[in-house]
Amino acid sequence: MNEESPHSSSPVSGTPVSPAKGPLGPALRVAGAVSLLVALWLFGVVATVLPTRDPARIPLWVAVAVGLVLYAALSLFGLGAVRARPLLRTVLFTMSVVAAVFGGLVLAQSLRAVSTGGHFEGYLLLLGAIVLGHGLLGVIASASGASTAERVRA
């Protein structure tokens, strides 16, 4: 297939594979489901642990959990539907960049704490890795392949 083709070719059969039907859509949905589970866990921590141990951080973790729920919902909505709507595609891309940066910073801070012998929180390492992975996957998914509507207009 040539560079202008809206489809890639399957390596096994040589048949065209739509970018929306490739592995990115299901992978983004799995990442969305994992992020949703993390958000639900965070809401549980906010409700049961933080009021007695660190009430000053409740607004921070509520904001992170709400952000994860919104990002997860958009990811679970489906890549094909998002690609067909330019506004949602832009929102997915923007949220993915924010998630990747946030996750990367949390992961880097956790790894720095490990290497310097500082206070290490294992949940932050895991949270950073999950959000970074979901963010990078979202950037790739939202930036790859044009929607059918965009190809028709071109």
Foldseek 3Di string as FASTA:
>chain_A
DDPPDLFDADPPPRDTDHLQRDPLFVVLLVLLVVLLVVLVVLVVCLVPPCVPPPVVCSVVSPVSSVLSNVLSVLSNVTLLVQLVDVVSLVVLQVSLVVLLVVLVVLLVVQVVCVVVVHDHDPVSNVSSVSSNVSSVSSNVSSPDGHHPVVVVVD
